[in-house]
């Protein structure tokens, strides 16, 4: 059974920092994309950042230069240190593991709340 468990969310003041972590279990191998998505109230879920098995990264324009995605293939974990947080970063952040093709997978974590407010 596949499980993705996120941690690290919370309440932070504007300009502050948080580090999200996601640990995956039950997934064989490491050839898949690991990503973070977020969904704010009344908005659609959107990609924040993604990283492939060989370390290619992709970021939403709104977080470039402030968020850095990384992964540890041995631990099957993905991380998202976030700095210079803004109120518009407030959302539920979801960990995602996906792979296209014949061995397609698409797994989601339960989400962790990030609130940026003074």
N, C-alpha and C. Protein backbone atom coordinates (compact mmCIF):
# COMPACT_ATOMS: atom_id res chain seq x y z
N UNK A 1 0.84 -1.18 0.00
CA UNK A 1 0.00 0.00 0.00
C UNK A 1 0.88 1.24 0.00
N UNK A 2 0.61 2.14 -0.93
CA UNK A 2 1.41 3.36 -1.05
C UNK A 2 0.90 4.42 -0.08
N UNK A 3 1.84 5.06 0.59
CA UNK A 3 1.50 6.17 1.48
C UNK A 3 2.47 7.31 1.26
N UNK A 4 1.95 8.52 1.22
CA UNK A 4 2.75 9.73 1.20
C UNK A 4 2.38 10.53 2.43
N UNK A 5 3.36 10.81 3.26
CA UNK A 5 3.09 11.52 4.52
C UNK A 5 3.85 12.83 4.52
N UNK A 6 3.09 13.93 4.55
CA UNK A 6 3.69 15.27 4.55
C UNK A 6 3.86 15.77 5.98
N UNK A 7 4.82 16.66 6.16
CA UNK A 7 5.01 17.32 7.44
C UNK A 7 5.68 18.67 7.20
N UNK A 8 5.62 19.53 8.22
CA UNK A 8 6.33 20.80 8.15
C UNK A 8 5.48 22.03 7.92
N UNK A 9 4.19 21.85 7.71
CA UNK A 9 3.33 23.01 7.54
C UNK A 9 3.12 23.74 8.85
N UNK A 10 2.47 24.89 8.75
CA UNK A 10 2.19 25.66 9.96
C UNK A 10 1.90 27.10 9.66
N UNK A 11 1.91 27.90 10.71
CA UNK A 11 1.65 29.34 10.61
C UNK A 11 2.98 30.09 10.68
N UNK A 12 3.17 31.00 9.76
CA UNK A 12 4.41 31.78 9.72
C UNK A 12 4.08 33.20 9.29
N UNK A 13 4.87 34.13 9.76
CA UNK A 13 4.68 35.54 9.39
C UNK A 13 5.22 35.80 7.98
N UNK A 14 4.71 36.80 7.32
CA UNK A 14 5.27 37.17 6.01
C UNK A 14 6.77 37.41 6.11
N UNK A 15 7.47 36.88 5.12
CA UNK A 15 8.93 36.97 5.13
C UNK A 15 9.60 35.80 5.81
N UNK A 16 8.83 34.97 6.46
CA UNK A 16 9.38 33.83 7.17
C UNK A 16 9.65 32.63 6.29
N UNK A 17 10.07 31.54 6.95
CA UNK A 17 10.45 30.33 6.23
C UNK A 17 9.80 29.10 6.84
N UNK A 18 9.59 28.11 6.01
CA UNK A 18 9.12 26.80 6.43
C UNK A 18 9.79 25.76 5.54
N UNK A 19 9.84 24.54 6.02
CA UNK A 19 10.38 23.44 5.22
C UNK A 19 9.39 22.29 5.24
N UNK A 20 8.87 21.96 4.08
CA UNK A 20 7.96 20.84 3.96
C UNK A 20 8.74 19.57 3.62
N UNK A 21 8.28 18.46 4.18
CA UNK A 21 8.86 17.17 3.89
C UNK A 21 7.76 16.19 3.52
N UNK A 22 8.11 15.23 2.69
CA UNK A 22 7.16 14.18 2.32
C UNK A 22 7.92 12.87 2.21
N UNK A 23 7.45 11.88 2.94
CA UNK A 23 8.06 10.56 2.91
C UNK A 23 7.11 9.58 2.25
N UNK A 24 7.62 8.89 1.25
CA UNK A 24 6.80 7.91 0.52
C UNK A 24 7.16 6.50 0.97
N UNK A 25 6.16 5.65 1.02
CA UNK A 25 6.40 4.24 1.33
C UNK A 25 5.53 3.39 0.41
N UNK A 26 6.00 2.19 0.16
CA UNK A 26 5.23 1.27 -0.68
C UNK A 26 5.44 1.45 -2.16
N UNK A 27 6.38 2.33 -2.57
CA UNK A 27 6.66 2.55 -3.98
C UNK A 27 7.98 1.87 -4.33
N UNK A 28 7.96 1.08 -5.38
CA UNK A 28 9.16 0.36 -5.79
C UNK A 28 10.01 1.23 -6.70
N UNK A 29 11.33 1.24 -6.42
CA UNK A 29 12.26 1.97 -7.27
C UNK A 29 12.23 3.46 -7.02
N UNK A 30 12.84 4.22 -7.95
CA UNK A 30 12.91 5.67 -7.81
C UNK A 30 12.67 6.40 -9.11
N UNK A 31 12.25 5.70 -10.16
CA UNK A 31 12.05 6.35 -11.45
C UNK A 31 10.64 6.92 -11.53
N UNK A 32 10.49 8.08 -10.93
CA UNK A 32 9.21 8.78 -10.97
C UNK A 32 9.48 10.25 -10.61
N UNK A 33 8.52 11.06 -10.91
CA UNK A 33 8.58 12.47 -10.57
C UNK A 33 8.00 12.66 -9.17
N UNK A 34 8.65 13.49 -8.38
CA UNK A 34 8.10 13.88 -7.09
C UNK A 34 7.80 15.38 -7.16
N UNK A 35 6.68 15.77 -6.60
CA UNK A 35 6.23 17.15 -6.79
C UNK A 35 5.45 17.65 -5.59
N UNK A 36 5.35 18.96 -5.54
CA UNK A 36 4.49 19.63 -4.57
C UNK A 36 3.46 20.44 -5.34
N UNK A 37 2.21 20.32 -4.93
CA UNK A 37 1.11 21.12 -5.44
C UNK A 37 0.51 21.89 -4.27
N UNK A 38 -0.26 22.90 -4.60
CA UNK A 38 -0.97 23.61 -3.53
C UNK A 38 -2.35 24.05 -4.01
N UNK A 39 -3.23 24.19 -3.04
CA UNK A 39 -4.59 24.61 -3.33
C UNK A 39 -5.04 25.59 -2.27
N UNK A 40 -5.31 26.80 -2.70
CA UNK A 40 -5.84 27.84 -1.81
C UNK A 40 -7.37 27.79 -1.86
N UNK A 41 -8.02 28.31 -0.84
CA UNK A 41 -9.49 28.30 -0.82
C UNK A 41 -10.07 28.96 -2.06
N UNK A 42 -11.00 28.26 -2.72
CA UNK A 42 -11.65 28.81 -3.89
C UNK A 42 -10.85 28.76 -5.17
N UNK A 43 -9.67 28.13 -5.11
CA UNK A 43 -8.81 28.06 -6.30
C UNK A 43 -8.52 26.60 -6.66
N UNK A 44 -8.09 26.41 -7.88
CA UNK A 44 -7.72 25.07 -8.32
C UNK A 44 -6.35 24.69 -7.78
N UNK A 45 -6.16 23.39 -7.63
CA UNK A 45 -4.84 22.90 -7.24
C UNK A 45 -3.86 23.13 -8.38
N UNK A 46 -2.68 23.63 -8.04
CA UNK A 46 -1.68 23.91 -9.05
C UNK A 46 -0.30 23.47 -8.64
N UNK A 47 0.54 23.25 -9.64
CA UNK A 47 1.90 22.80 -9.40
C UNK A 47 2.74 23.91 -8.75
N UNK A 48 3.47 23.54 -7.72
CA UNK A 48 4.43 24.45 -7.09
C UNK A 48 5.83 24.16 -7.62
N UNK A 49 6.21 22.89 -7.53
CA UNK A 49 7.54 22.49 -7.98
C UNK A 49 7.56 20.99 -8.19
N UNK A 50 8.44 20.57 -9.10
CA UNK A 50 8.60 19.13 -9.36
C UNK A 50 10.06 18.82 -9.59
N UNK A 51 10.42 17.55 -9.37
CA UNK A 51 11.79 17.11 -9.57
C UNK A 51 11.77 15.68 -10.07
N UNK A 52 12.55 15.44 -11.12
CA UNK A 52 12.62 14.09 -11.69
C UNK A 52 13.64 13.24 -10.92
N UNK A 53 13.72 11.98 -11.28
CA UNK A 53 14.64 11.07 -10.60
C UNK A 53 16.10 11.48 -10.78
N UNK A 54 16.40 12.18 -11.87
CA UNK A 54 17.78 12.60 -12.11
C UNK A 54 17.99 14.06 -11.72
N UNK A 55 17.01 14.65 -11.07
CA UNK A 55 17.22 15.97 -10.49
C UNK A 55 16.81 17.17 -11.33
N UNK A 56 16.11 16.95 -12.42
CA UNK A 56 15.61 18.09 -13.19
C UNK A 56 14.44 18.73 -12.46
N UNK A 57 14.52 20.04 -12.30
CA UNK A 57 13.53 20.75 -11.50
C UNK A 57 12.66 21.68 -12.34
N UNK A 58 11.46 21.87 -11.88
CA UNK A 58 10.52 22.78 -12.54
C UNK A 58 9.77 23.52 -11.44
N UNK A 59 9.60 24.84 -11.61
CA UNK A 59 8.94 25.66 -10.60
C UNK A 59 7.84 26.51 -11.21
N UNK A 60 6.82 26.75 -10.42
CA UNK A 60 5.85 27.78 -10.79
C UNK A 60 6.54 29.13 -10.74
N UNK A 61 6.18 30.02 -11.64
CA UNK A 61 6.82 31.34 -11.70
C UNK A 61 6.72 32.07 -10.36
N UNK A 62 5.62 31.88 -9.66
CA UNK A 62 5.38 32.62 -8.43
C UNK A 62 6.31 32.23 -7.28
N UNK A 63 6.99 31.10 -7.39
CA UNK A 63 7.85 30.66 -6.29
C UNK A 63 9.33 30.61 -6.67
N UNK A 64 9.66 30.90 -7.92
CA UNK A 64 11.06 30.85 -8.36
C UNK A 64 11.91 31.79 -7.52
N UNK A 65 13.04 31.28 -7.09
CA UNK A 65 13.95 32.07 -6.27
C UNK A 65 13.63 32.06 -4.79
N UNK A 66 12.47 31.53 -4.41
CA UNK A 66 12.09 31.48 -3.00
C UNK A 66 11.96 30.05 -2.48
N UNK A 67 11.52 29.14 -3.33
CA UNK A 67 11.35 27.74 -2.95
C UNK A 67 12.40 26.90 -3.68
N UNK A 68 12.85 25.84 -3.03
CA UNK A 68 13.83 24.94 -3.65
C UNK A 68 13.40 23.50 -3.39
N UNK A 69 13.12 22.76 -4.43
CA UNK A 69 12.71 21.37 -4.26
C UNK A 69 13.94 20.47 -4.33
N UNK A 70 13.93 19.44 -3.48
CA UNK A 70 15.00 18.45 -3.52
C UNK A 70 14.41 17.09 -3.14
N UNK A 71 15.16 16.03 -3.43
CA UNK A 71 14.69 14.70 -3.10
C UNK A 71 15.84 13.82 -2.67
N UNK A 72 15.49 12.80 -1.91
CA UNK A 72 16.44 11.79 -1.48
C UNK A 72 15.89 10.46 -1.96
N UNK A 73 16.47 9.93 -3.02
CA UNK A 73 15.93 8.70 -3.60
C UNK A 73 16.06 7.51 -2.64
N UNK A 74 17.10 7.47 -1.87
CA UNK A 74 17.28 6.36 -0.93
C UNK A 74 16.18 6.36 0.13
N UNK A 75 15.78 7.54 0.56
CA UNK A 75 14.73 7.66 1.58
C UNK A 75 13.34 7.79 0.97
N UNK A 76 13.27 7.89 -0.36
CA UNK A 76 12.00 8.11 -1.04
C UNK A 76 11.28 9.32 -0.45
N UNK A 77 12.03 10.40 -0.35
CA UNK A 77 11.52 11.61 0.28
C UNK A 77 11.72 12.81 -0.64
N UNK A 78 10.86 13.78 -0.49
CA UNK A 78 10.98 15.03 -1.22
C UNK A 78 10.80 16.17 -0.23
N UNK A 79 11.54 17.26 -0.47
CA UNK A 79 11.56 18.38 0.46
C UNK A 79 11.27 19.67 -0.28
N UNK A 80 10.73 20.64 0.48
CA UNK A 80 10.46 21.95 -0.11
C UNK A 80 10.75 23.03 0.92
N UNK A 81 12.00 23.47 1.01
CA UNK A 81 12.29 24.64 1.83
C UNK A 81 11.69 25.87 1.17
N UNK A 82 10.98 26.66 1.96
CA UNK A 82 10.32 27.86 1.43
C UNK A 82 10.78 29.06 2.23
N UNK A 83 11.22 30.10 1.55
CA UNK A 83 11.66 31.31 2.23
C UNK A 83 10.92 32.51 1.65
N UNK A 84 11.05 33.63 2.34
CA UNK A 84 10.39 34.86 1.90
C UNK A 84 8.91 34.62 1.62
N UNK A 85 8.27 33.93 2.54
CA UNK A 85 6.88 33.57 2.34
C UNK A 85 5.97 34.79 2.31
N UNK A 86 4.95 34.68 1.47
CA UNK A 86 3.99 35.77 1.28
C UNK A 86 2.58 35.27 1.65
N UNK A 87 1.70 36.18 1.99
CA UNK A 87 0.32 35.75 2.30
C UNK A 87 -0.31 34.94 1.16
N UNK A 88 0.06 35.25 -0.06
CA UNK A 88 -0.51 34.51 -1.20
C UNK A 88 0.03 33.08 -1.32
N UNK A 89 1.01 32.73 -0.51
CA UNK A 89 1.49 31.35 -0.46
C UNK A 89 0.60 30.48 0.44
N UNK A 90 -0.32 31.09 1.13
CA UNK A 90 -1.22 30.35 2.01
C UNK A 90 -2.06 29.36 1.21
N UNK A 91 -1.99 28.09 1.60
CA UNK A 91 -2.69 27.04 0.87
C UNK A 91 -2.46 25.71 1.59
N UNK A 92 -3.18 24.71 1.15
CA UNK A 92 -2.86 23.34 1.53
C UNK A 92 -1.87 22.82 0.50
N UNK A 93 -0.75 22.31 0.98
CA UNK A 93 0.29 21.81 0.11
C UNK A 93 0.23 20.28 0.08
N UNK A 94 0.27 19.74 -1.14
CA UNK A 94 0.14 18.30 -1.33
C UNK A 94 1.40 17.73 -1.99
N UNK A 95 1.83 16.63 -1.48
CA UNK A 95 2.93 15.88 -2.08
C UNK A 95 2.35 14.95 -3.14
N UNK A 96 3.06 14.82 -4.25
CA UNK A 96 2.61 13.98 -5.35
C UNK A 96 3.77 13.17 -5.92
N UNK A 97 3.50 11.93 -6.24
CA UNK A 97 4.45 11.06 -6.93
C UNK A 97 3.77 10.57 -8.20
N UNK A 98 4.42 10.76 -9.34
CA UNK A 98 3.76 10.36 -10.58
C UNK A 98 4.76 9.86 -11.61
N UNK A 99 4.25 9.05 -12.50
CA UNK A 99 5.04 8.51 -13.61
C UNK A 99 4.09 8.22 -14.74
N UNK A 100 4.44 8.66 -15.95
CA UNK A 100 3.63 8.39 -17.13
C UNK A 100 4.08 7.10 -17.79
N UNK A 101 3.34 6.70 -18.81
CA UNK A 101 3.74 5.54 -19.58
C UNK A 101 3.07 4.27 -19.14
N UNK A 102 3.69 3.15 -19.53
CA UNK A 102 3.09 1.84 -19.28
C UNK A 102 2.95 1.55 -17.79
N UNK A 103 3.86 2.09 -17.01
CA UNK A 103 3.80 1.86 -15.55
C UNK A 103 3.35 3.13 -14.85
N UNK A 104 2.23 3.66 -15.35
CA UNK A 104 1.74 4.94 -14.83
C UNK A 104 1.36 4.84 -13.36
N UNK A 105 1.77 5.87 -12.58
CA UNK A 105 1.35 5.99 -11.19
C UNK A 105 1.01 7.45 -10.91
N UNK A 106 0.18 7.65 -9.92
CA UNK A 106 -0.21 9.00 -9.53
C UNK A 106 -0.74 8.93 -8.10
N UNK A 107 0.12 9.23 -7.15
CA UNK A 107 -0.21 9.15 -5.73
C UNK A 107 -0.17 10.52 -5.09
N UNK A 108 -1.05 10.72 -4.09
CA UNK A 108 -1.14 12.00 -3.40
C UNK A 108 -1.07 11.81 -1.89
N UNK A 109 -0.48 12.78 -1.23
CA UNK A 109 -0.52 12.83 0.22
C UNK A 109 -1.81 13.48 0.69
N UNK A 110 -1.95 13.56 2.00
CA UNK A 110 -3.19 14.09 2.58
C UNK A 110 -3.20 15.61 2.65
N UNK A 111 -2.06 16.23 2.46
CA UNK A 111 -1.97 17.68 2.48
C UNK A 111 -1.54 18.23 3.82
N UNK A 112 -0.83 19.34 3.78
CA UNK A 112 -0.42 20.04 5.00
C UNK A 112 -0.68 21.53 4.80
N UNK A 113 -1.25 22.15 5.82
CA UNK A 113 -1.65 23.55 5.72
C UNK A 113 -0.46 24.46 5.96
N UNK A 114 -0.29 25.42 5.07
CA UNK A 114 0.67 26.50 5.25
C UNK A 114 -0.11 27.81 5.28
N UNK A 115 0.05 28.55 6.36
CA UNK A 115 -0.63 29.82 6.51
C UNK A 115 0.40 30.91 6.75
N UNK A 116 0.38 31.92 5.89
CA UNK A 116 1.30 33.05 6.01
C UNK A 116 0.49 34.27 6.39
N UNK A 117 0.66 34.69 7.63
CA UNK A 117 -0.16 35.79 8.14
C UNK A 117 0.54 36.46 9.30
N UNK A 118 0.32 37.76 9.43
CA UNK A 118 0.86 38.49 10.57
C UNK A 118 -0.17 38.56 11.69
